[in-house]
PDB file of all heavy atoms in Angstrom:
ATOM      1  N   TYR A   1      41.619  20.180 -45.245  1.00  0.00           N
ATOM      2  CA  TYR A   1      41.411  18.763 -45.554  1.00  0.00           C
ATOM      3  C   TYR A   1      42.695  18.047 -45.970  1.00  0.00           C
ATOM      4  O   TYR A   1      42.667  16.874 -46.335  1.00  0.00           O
ATOM      5  CB  TYR A   1      40.321  18.613 -46.618  1.00  0.00           C
ATOM      6  CG  TYR A   1      38.941  18.852 -46.044  1.00  0.00           C
ATOM      7  CD1 TYR A   1      38.400  20.135 -45.974  1.00  0.00           C
ATOM      8  CD2 TYR A   1      38.202  17.802 -45.530  1.00  0.00           C
ATOM      9  CE1 TYR A   1      37.149  20.355 -45.418  1.00  0.00           C
ATOM     10  CE2 TYR A   1      36.947  18.012 -44.973  1.00  0.00           C
ATOM     11  CZ  TYR A   1      36.431  19.295 -44.917  1.00  0.00           C
ATOM     12  OH  TYR A   1      35.190  19.511 -44.350  1.00  0.00           O
ATOM     13  N   ALA A   2      43.830  18.713 -45.892  1.00  0.00           N
ATOM     14  CA  ALA A   2      45.108  18.117 -46.311  1.00  0.00           C
ATOM     15  C   ALA A   2      45.462  16.874 -45.497  1.00  0.00           C
ATOM     16  O   ALA A   2      45.989  15.901 -46.054  1.00  0.00           O
ATOM     17  CB  ALA A   2      46.233  19.144 -46.212  1.00  0.00           C
ATOM     18  N   ASP A   3      45.204  16.870 -44.197  1.00  0.00           N
ATOM     19  CA  ASP A   3      45.516  15.698 -43.366  1.00  0.00           C
ATOM     20  C   ASP A   3      44.740  14.471 -43.837  1.00  0.00           C
ATOM     21  O   ASP A   3      45.277  13.365 -43.852  1.00  0.00           O
ATOM     22  CB  ASP A   3      45.192  15.962 -41.895  1.00  0.00           C
ATOM     23  CG  ASP A   3      46.104  16.988 -41.255  1.00  0.00           C
ATOM     24  OD1 ASP A   3      47.140  17.331 -41.861  1.00  0.00           O
ATOM     25  OD2 ASP A   3      45.773  17.451 -40.150  1.00  0.00           O
ATOM     26  N   HIS A   4      43.487  14.665 -44.215  1.00  0.00           N
ATOM     27  CA  HIS A   4      42.685  13.548 -44.708  1.00  0.00           C
ATOM     28  C   HIS A   4      43.263  13.020 -46.019  1.00  0.00           C
ATOM     29  O   HIS A   4      43.377  11.808 -46.204  1.00  0.00           O
ATOM     30  CB  HIS A   4      41.230  13.979 -44.928  1.00  0.00           C
ATOM     31  CG  HIS A   4      40.535  14.354 -43.665  1.00  0.00           C
ATOM     32  ND1 HIS A   4      40.253  13.453 -42.669  1.00  0.00           N
ATOM     33  CD2 HIS A   4      40.051  15.545 -43.231  1.00  0.00           C
ATOM     34  CE1 HIS A   4      39.629  14.058 -41.681  1.00  0.00           C
ATOM     35  NE2 HIS A   4      39.497  15.326 -41.988  1.00  0.00           N
ATOM     36  N   ALA A   5      43.614  13.926 -46.917  1.00  0.00           N
ATOM     37  CA  ALA A   5      44.182  13.521 -48.212  1.00  0.00           C
ATOM     38  C   ALA A   5      45.497  12.770 -47.998  1.00  0.00           C
ATOM     39  O   ALA A   5      45.744  11.744 -48.628  1.00  0.00           O
ATOM     40  CB  ALA A   5      44.389  14.737 -49.101  1.00  0.00           C
ATOM     41  N   ALA A   6      46.333  13.268 -47.080  1.00  0.00           N
ATOM     42  CA  ALA A   6      47.621  12.625 -46.810  1.00  0.00           C
ATOM     43  C   ALA A   6      47.434  11.219 -46.243  1.00  0.00           C
ATOM     44  O   ALA A   6      48.278  10.344 -46.451  1.00  0.00           O
ATOM     45  CB  ALA A   6      48.447  13.477 -45.850  1.00  0.00           C
ATOM     46  N   ALA A   7      46.317  10.997 -45.551  1.00  0.00           N
ATOM     47  CA  ALA A   7      46.030   9.680 -44.981  1.00  0.00           C
ATOM     48  C   ALA A   7      45.345   8.756 -45.991  1.00  0.00           C
ATOM     49  O   ALA A   7      44.967   7.636 -45.641  1.00  0.00           O
ATOM     50  CB  ALA A   7      45.157   9.831 -43.735  1.00  0.00           C
ATOM     51  N   GLY A   8      45.178   9.246 -47.220  1.00  0.00           N
ATOM     52  CA  GLY A   8      44.577   8.424 -48.261  1.00  0.00           C
ATOM     53  C   GLY A   8      43.065   8.476 -48.325  1.00  0.00           C
ATOM     54  O   GLY A   8      42.448   7.724 -49.074  1.00  0.00           O
ATOM     55  N   ARG A   9      42.457   9.359 -47.544  1.00  0.00           N
ATOM     56  CA  ARG A   9      41.006   9.511 -47.594  1.00  0.00           C
ATOM     57  C   ARG A   9      40.654  10.457 -48.735  1.00  0.00           C
ATOM     58  O   ARG A   9      41.311  11.462 -48.927  1.00  0.00           O
ATOM     59  CB  ARG A   9      40.477  10.059 -46.279  1.00  0.00           C
ATOM     60  CG  ARG A   9      40.697   9.121 -45.125  1.00  0.00           C
ATOM     61  CD  ARG A   9      40.128   9.696 -43.832  1.00  0.00           C
ATOM     62  NE  ARG A   9      40.821   9.115 -42.714  1.00  0.00           N
ATOM     63  CZ  ARG A   9      41.737   9.740 -41.978  1.00  0.00           C
ATOM     64  NH1 ARG A   9      42.058  10.985 -42.228  1.00  0.00           N
ATOM     65  NH2 ARG A   9      42.330   9.117 -40.989  1.00  0.00           N
ATOM     66  N   VAL A  10      39.616  10.139 -49.456  1.00  0.00           N
ATOM     67  CA  VAL A  10      39.219  10.950 -50.604  1.00  0.00           C
ATOM     68  C   VAL A  10      38.205  11.995 -50.150  1.00  0.00           C
ATOM     69  O   VAL A  10      37.054  11.664 -49.874  1.00  0.00           O
ATOM     70  CB  VAL A  10      38.637  10.079 -51.730  1.00  0.00           C
ATOM     71  CG1 VAL A  10      38.212  10.934 -52.905  1.00  0.00           C
ATOM     72  CG2 VAL A  10      39.645   9.030 -52.159  1.00  0.00           C
ATOM     73  N   PHE A  11      38.646  13.218 -50.035  1.00  0.00           N
ATOM     74  CA  PHE A  11      37.788  14.354 -49.729  1.00  0.00           C
ATOM     75  C   PHE A  11      37.970  15.354 -50.851  1.00  0.00           C
ATOM     76  O   PHE A  11      39.050  15.926 -51.008  1.00  0.00           O
ATOM     77  CB  PHE A  11      38.171  14.999 -48.388  1.00  0.00           C
ATOM     78  CG  PHE A  11      37.632  14.279 -47.189  1.00  0.00           C
ATOM     79  CD1 PHE A  11      38.344  13.246 -46.617  1.00  0.00           C
ATOM     80  CD2 PHE A  11      36.406  14.627 -46.646  1.00  0.00           C
ATOM     81  CE1 PHE A  11      37.856  12.570 -45.509  1.00  0.00           C
ATOM     82  CE2 PHE A  11      35.905  13.962 -45.545  1.00  0.00           C
ATOM     83  CZ  PHE A  11      36.630  12.929 -44.974  1.00  0.00           C
ATOM     84  N   PHE A  12      36.913  15.560 -51.633  1.00  0.00           N
ATOM     85  CA  PHE A  12      36.988  16.468 -52.766  1.00  0.00           C
ATOM     86  C   PHE A  12      37.459  17.852 -52.338  1.00  0.00           C
ATOM     87  O   PHE A  12      38.165  18.540 -53.077  1.00  0.00           O
ATOM     88  CB  PHE A  12      35.629  16.538 -53.466  1.00  0.00           C
ATOM     89  CG  PHE A  12      35.648  17.292 -54.755  1.00  0.00           C
ATOM     90  CD1 PHE A  12      36.411  16.848 -55.824  1.00  0.00           C
ATOM     91  CD2 PHE A  12      34.903  18.444 -54.908  1.00  0.00           C
ATOM     92  CE1 PHE A  12      36.428  17.546 -57.034  1.00  0.00           C
ATOM     93  CE2 PHE A  12      34.912  19.145 -56.103  1.00  0.00           C
ATOM     94  CZ  PHE A  12      35.679  18.699 -57.171  1.00  0.00           C
ATOM     95  N   ALA A  13      37.104  18.269 -51.120  1.00  0.00           N
ATOM     96  CA  ALA A  13      37.504  19.595 -50.634  1.00  0.00           C
ATOM     97  C   ALA A  13      39.018  19.763 -50.590  1.00  0.00           C
ATOM     98  O   ALA A  13      39.518  20.881 -50.630  1.00  0.00           O
ATOM     99  CB  ALA A  13      36.919  19.842 -49.247  1.00  0.00           C
ATOM    100  N   SER A  14      39.762  18.667 -50.538  1.00  0.00           N
ATOM    101  CA  SER A  14      41.220  18.772 -50.458  1.00  0.00           C
ATOM    102  C   SER A  14      41.859  19.126 -51.799  1.00  0.00           C
ATOM    103  O   SER A  14      43.035  19.476 -51.843  1.00  0.00           O
ATOM    104  CB  SER A  14      41.830  17.476 -49.922  1.00  0.00           C
ATOM    105  OG  SER A  14      41.661  16.425 -50.847  1.00  0.00           O
ATOM    106  N   TYR A  15      41.089  19.030 -52.882  1.00  0.00           N
ATOM    107  CA  TYR A  15      41.672  19.351 -54.193  1.00  0.00           C
ATOM    108  C   TYR A  15      40.699  20.058 -55.147  1.00  0.00           C
ATOM    109  O   TYR A  15      41.013  20.264 -56.310  1.00  0.00           O
ATOM    110  CB  TYR A  15      42.221  18.085 -54.858  1.00  0.00           C
ATOM    111  CG  TYR A  15      41.195  17.016 -55.144  1.00  0.00           C
ATOM    112  CD1 TYR A  15      40.523  16.985 -56.358  1.00  0.00           C
ATOM    113  CD2 TYR A  15      40.920  16.036 -54.198  1.00  0.00           C
ATOM    114  CE1 TYR A  15      39.584  15.999 -56.617  1.00  0.00           C
ATOM    115  CE2 TYR A  15      39.994  15.053 -54.454  1.00  0.00           C
ATOM    116  CZ  TYR A  15      39.318  15.033 -55.669  1.00  0.00           C
ATOM    117  OH  TYR A  15      38.391  14.058 -55.919  1.00  0.00           O
ATOM    118  N   GLN A  16      39.525  20.483 -54.668  1.00  0.00           N
ATOM    119  CA  GLN A  16      38.555  21.117 -55.561  1.00  0.00           C
ATOM    120  C   GLN A  16      39.091  22.421 -56.124  1.00  0.00           C
ATOM    121  O   GLN A  16      39.968  23.061 -55.544  1.00  0.00           O
ATOM    122  CB  GLN A  16      37.223  21.329 -54.866  1.00  0.00           C
ATOM    123  CG  GLN A  16      37.207  22.448 -53.841  1.00  0.00           C
ATOM    124  CD  GLN A  16      35.876  22.512 -53.114  1.00  0.00           C
ATOM    125  OE1 GLN A  16      35.350  21.503 -52.665  1.00  0.00           O
ATOM    126  NE2 GLN A  16      35.330  23.704 -52.997  1.00  0.00           N
ATOM    127  N   SER A  17      38.540  22.823 -57.253  1.00  0.00           N
ATOM    128  CA  SER A  17      38.963  24.050 -57.937  1.00  0.00           C
ATOM    129  C   SER A  17      38.204  25.259 -57.403  1.00  0.00           C
ATOM    130  O   SER A  17      37.123  25.121 -56.820  1.00  0.00           O
ATOM    131  CB  SER A  17      38.684  23.927 -59.435  1.00  0.00           C
ATOM    132  OG  SER A  17      37.278  23.943 -59.659  1.00  0.00           O
ATOM    133  N   PRO A  18      38.752  26.461 -57.601  1.00  0.00           N
ATOM    134  CA  PRO A  18      38.012  27.677 -57.236  1.00  0.00           C
ATOM    135  C   PRO A  18      36.662  27.762 -57.957  1.00  0.00           C
ATOM    136  O   PRO A  18      35.689  28.241 -57.390  1.00  0.00           O
ATOM    137  CB  PRO A  18      38.943  28.811 -57.655  1.00  0.00           C
ATOM    138  CG  PRO A  18      40.304  28.208 -57.570  1.00  0.00           C
ATOM    139  CD  PRO A  18      40.118  26.784 -58.011  1.00  0.00           C
ATOM    140  N   ARG A  19      36.606  27.261 -59.182  1.00  0.00           N
ATOM    141  CA  ARG A  19      35.337  27.271 -59.927  1.00  0.00           C
ATOM    142  C   ARG A  19      34.285  26.425 -59.207  1.00  0.00           C
ATOM    143  O   ARG A  19      33.124  26.812 -59.095  1.00  0.00           O
ATOM    144  CB  ARG A  19      35.576  26.746 -61.338  1.00  0.00           C
ATOM    145  CG  ARG A  19      34.340  26.716 -62.175  1.00  0.00           C
ATOM    146  CD  ARG A  19      34.660  26.268 -63.590  1.00  0.00           C
ATOM    147  NE  ARG A  19      33.443  26.119 -64.340  1.00  0.00           N
ATOM    148  CZ  ARG A  19      33.261  25.242 -65.288  1.00  0.00           C
ATOM    149  NH1 ARG A  19      34.242  24.431 -65.632  1.00  0.00           N
ATOM    150  NH2 ARG A  19      32.125  25.163 -65.928  1.00  0.00           N
ATOM    151  N   TYR A  20      34.692  25.261 -58.706  1.00  0.00           N
ATOM    152  CA  TYR A  20      33.748  24.414 -57.983  1.00  0.00           C
ATOM    153  C   TYR A  20      33.368  25.050 -56.644  1.00  0.00           C
ATOM    154  O   TYR A  20      32.212  24.951 -56.221  1.00  0.00           O
ATOM    155  CB  TYR A  20      34.304  23.006 -57.773  1.00  0.00           C
ATOM    156  CG  TYR A  20      33.253  22.079 -57.237  1.00  0.00           C
ATOM    157  CD1 TYR A  20      32.256  21.580 -58.073  1.00  0.00           C
ATOM    158  CD2 TYR A  20      33.215  21.729 -55.894  1.00  0.00           C
ATOM    159  CE1 TYR A  20      31.257  20.754 -57.581  1.00  0.00           C
ATOM    160  CE2 TYR A  20      32.230  20.903 -55.400  1.00  0.00           C
ATOM    161  CZ  TYR A  20      31.251  20.417 -56.244  1.00  0.00           C
ATOM    162  OH  TYR A  20      30.264  19.606 -55.756  1.00  0.00           O
ATOM    163  N   THR A  21      34.303  25.708 -55.990  1.00  0.00           N
ATOM    164  CA  THR A  21      33.978  26.420 -54.753  1.00  0.00           C
ATOM    165  C   THR A  21      32.887  27.443 -55.024  1.00  0.00           C
ATOM    166  O   THR A  21      31.913  27.541 -54.274  1.00  0.00           O
ATOM    167  CB  THR A  21      35.229  27.108 -54.172  1.00  0.00           C
ATOM    168  OG1 THR A  21      36.226  26.117 -53.911  1.00  0.00           O
ATOM    169  CG2 THR A  21      34.907  27.855 -52.890  1.00  0.00           C
ATOM    170  N   ARG A  22      33.020  28.204 -56.096  1.00  0.00           N
ATOM    171  CA  ARG A  22      32.001  29.203 -56.463  1.00  0.00           C
ATOM    172  C   ARG A  22      30.657  28.512 -56.686  1.00  0.00           C
ATOM    173  O   ARG A  22      29.619  28.980 -56.213  1.00  0.00           O
ATOM    174  CB  ARG A  22      32.406  29.968 -57.714  1.00  0.00           C
ATOM    175  CG  ARG A  22      31.390  31.012 -58.144  1.00  0.00           C
ATOM    176  CD  ARG A  22      31.793  31.762 -59.405  1.00  0.00           C
ATOM    177  NE  ARG A  22      33.115  32.328 -59.346  1.00  0.00           N
ATOM    178  CZ  ARG A  22      33.469  33.432 -58.691  1.00  0.00           C
ATOM    179  NH1 ARG A  22      32.562  34.095 -58.012  1.00  0.00           N
ATOM    180  NH2 ARG A  22      34.711  33.863 -58.716  1.00  0.00           N
ATOM    181  N   HIS A  23      30.664  27.398 -57.398  1.00  0.00           N
ATOM    182  CA  HIS A  23      29.428  26.658 -57.651  1.00  0.00           C
ATOM    183  C   HIS A  23      28.760  26.244 -56.343  1.00  0.00           C
ATOM    184  O   HIS A  23      27.562  26.440 -56.150  1.00  0.00           O
ATOM    185  CB  HIS A  23      29.729  25.432 -58.517  1.00  0.00           C
ATOM    186  CG  HIS A  23      28.604  24.447 -58.561  1.00  0.00           C
ATOM    187  ND1 HIS A  23      27.443  24.672 -59.272  1.00  0.00           N
ATOM    188  CD2 HIS A  23      28.459  23.241 -57.965  1.00  0.00           C
ATOM    189  CE1 HIS A  23      26.627  23.641 -59.104  1.00  0.00           C
ATOM    190  NE2 HIS A  23      27.224  22.756 -58.322  1.00  0.00           N
ATOM    191  N   ARG A  24      29.526  25.653 -55.432  1.00  0.00           N
ATOM    192  CA  ARG A  24      28.958  25.202 -54.160  1.00  0.00           C
ATOM    193  C   ARG A  24      28.416  26.365 -53.340  1.00  0.00           C
ATOM    194  O   ARG A  24      27.347  26.261 -52.744  1.00  0.00           O
ATOM    195  CB  ARG A  24      30.000  24.437 -53.334  1.00  0.00           C
ATOM    196  CG  ARG A  24      30.414  23.103 -53.907  1.00  0.00           C
ATOM    197  CD  ARG A  24      29.293  22.121 -53.908  1.00  0.00           C
ATOM    198  NE  ARG A  24      28.928  21.763 -52.549  1.00  0.00           N
ATOM    199  CZ  ARG A  24      28.327  20.662 -52.196  1.00  0.00           C
ATOM    200  NH1 ARG A  24      28.008  19.773 -53.095  1.00  0.00           N
ATOM    201  NH2 ARG A  24      28.032  20.417 -50.940  1.00  0.00           N
ATOM    202  N   LEU A  25      29.150  27.460 -53.306  1.00  0.00           N
ATOM    203  CA  LEU A  25      28.706  28.607 -52.515  1.00  0.00           C
ATOM    204  C   LEU A  25      27.481  29.276 -53.122  1.00  0.00           C
ATOM    205  O   LEU A  25      26.726  29.937 -52.410  1.00  0.00           O
ATOM    206  CB  LEU A  25      29.844  29.605 -52.339  1.00  0.00           C
ATOM    207  CG  LEU A  25      31.023  29.101 -51.505  1.00  0.00           C
ATOM    208  CD1 LEU A  25      32.087  30.182 -51.390  1.00  0.00           C
ATOM    209  CD2 LEU A  25      30.571  28.644 -50.124  1.00  0.00           C
ATOM    210  N   SER A  26      27.249  29.090 -54.410  1.00  0.00           N
ATOM    211  CA  SER A  26      26.077  29.691 -55.047  1.00  0.00           C
ATOM    212  C   SER A  26      24.788  28.961 -54.662  1.00  0.00           C
ATOM    213  O   SER A  26      23.700  29.462 -54.930  1.00  0.00           O
ATOM    214  CB  SER A  26      26.242  29.677 -56.573  1.00  0.00           C
ATOM    215  OG  SER A  26      26.089  28.368 -57.085  1.00  0.00           O
ATOM    216  N   ARG A  27      24.908  27.823 -54.001  1.00  0.00           N
ATOM    217  CA  ARG A  27      23.747  27.015 -53.649  1.00  0.00           C
ATOM    218  C   ARG A  27      23.206  27.319 -52.259  1.00  0.00           C
ATOM    219  O   ARG A  27      22.291  26.649 -51.795  1.00  0.00           O
ATOM    220  CB  ARG A  27      24.112  25.541 -53.747  1.00  0.00           C
ATOM    221  CG  ARG A  27      24.539  25.173 -55.169  1.00  0.00           C
ATOM    222  CD  ARG A  27      24.967  23.771 -55.304  1.00  0.00           C
ATOM    223  NE  ARG A  27      23.808  22.898 -55.065  1.00  0.00           N
ATOM    224  CZ  ARG A  27      23.920  21.625 -54.785  1.00  0.00           C
ATOM    225  NH1 ARG A  27      25.095  21.063 -54.676  1.00  0.00           N
ATOM    226  NH2 ARG A  27      22.843  20.888 -54.601  1.00  0.00           N
ATOM    227  N   GLY A  28      23.742  28.324 -51.596  1.00  0.00           N
ATOM    228  CA  GLY A  28      23.267  28.667 -50.259  1.00  0.00           C
ATOM    229  C   GLY A  28      23.985  29.893 -49.752  1.00  0.00           C
ATOM    230  O   GLY A  28      24.287  30.813 -50.504  1.00  0.00           O
ATOM    231  N   GLU A  29      24.284  29.892 -48.482  1.00  0.00           N
ATOM    232  CA  GLU A  29      25.027  30.974 -47.834  1.00  0.00           C
ATOM    233  C   GLU A  29      26.286  30.386 -47.225  1.00  0.00           C
ATOM    234  O   GLU A  29      26.366  29.193 -46.989  1.00  0.00           O
ATOM    235  CB  GLU A  29      24.189  31.621 -46.734  1.00  0.00           C
ATOM    236  CG  GLU A  29      22.912  32.248 -47.240  1.00  0.00           C
ATOM    237  CD  GLU A  29      22.080  32.827 -46.102  1.00  0.00           C
ATOM    238  OE1 GLU A  29      22.538  32.830 -44.938  1.00  0.00           O
ATOM    239  OE2 GLU A  29      20.959  33.254 -46.381  1.00  0.00           O
ATOM    240  N   CYS A  30      27.247  31.240 -46.938  1.00  0.00           N
ATOM    241  CA  CYS A  30      28.476  30.768 -46.322  1.00  0.00           C
ATOM    242  C   CYS A  30      28.780  31.598 -45.084  1.00  0.00           C
ATOM    243  O   CYS A  30      28.849  32.826 -45.155  1.00  0.00           O
ATOM    244  CB  CYS A  30      29.634  30.859 -47.315  1.00  0.00           C
ATOM    245  SG  CYS A  30      31.157  30.129 -46.673  1.00  0.00           S
ATOM    246  N   ARG A  31      28.924  30.935 -43.965  1.00  0.00           N
ATOM    247  CA  ARG A  31      29.344  31.592 -42.722  1.00  0.00           C
ATOM    248  C   ARG A  31      30.868  31.558 -42.708  1.00  0.00           C
ATOM    249  O   ARG A  31      31.474  30.554 -43.097  1.00  0.00           O
ATOM    250  CB  ARG A  31      28.808  30.876 -41.493  1.00  0.00           C
ATOM    251  CG  ARG A  31      27.311  30.625 -41.514  1.00  0.00           C
ATOM    252  CD  ARG A  31      26.530  31.924 -41.456  1.00  0.00           C
ATOM    253  NE  ARG A  31      25.120  31.648 -41.241  1.00  0.00           N
ATOM    254  CZ  ARG A  31      24.165  31.927 -42.098  1.00  0.00           C
ATOM    255  NH1 ARG A  31      24.464  32.454 -43.261  1.00  0.00           N
ATOM    256  NH2 ARG A  31      22.904  31.670 -41.823  1.00  0.00           N
ATOM    257  N   VAL A  32      31.486  32.642 -42.264  1.00  0.00           N
ATOM    258  CA  VAL A  32      32.943  32.699 -42.247  1.00  0.00           C
ATOM    259  C   VAL A  32      33.442  33.108 -40.867  1.00  0.00           C
ATOM    260  O   VAL A  32      32.745  33.776 -40.111  1.00  0.00           O
ATOM    261  CB  VAL A  32      33.511  33.674 -43.309  1.00  0.00           C
ATOM    262  CG1 VAL A  32      33.117  33.237 -44.712  1.00  0.00           C
ATOM    263  CG2 VAL A  32      33.077  35.096 -43.045  1.00  0.00           C
TER     264      VAL A  32
END
């Protein structure tokens, strides 16, 4: 999401913390 952030678009994924990543992933499953 760095390109979006560099263009001034606000995407939380471009700066979220590992703690928040864990929280989001705990709400379902993750395909990799």
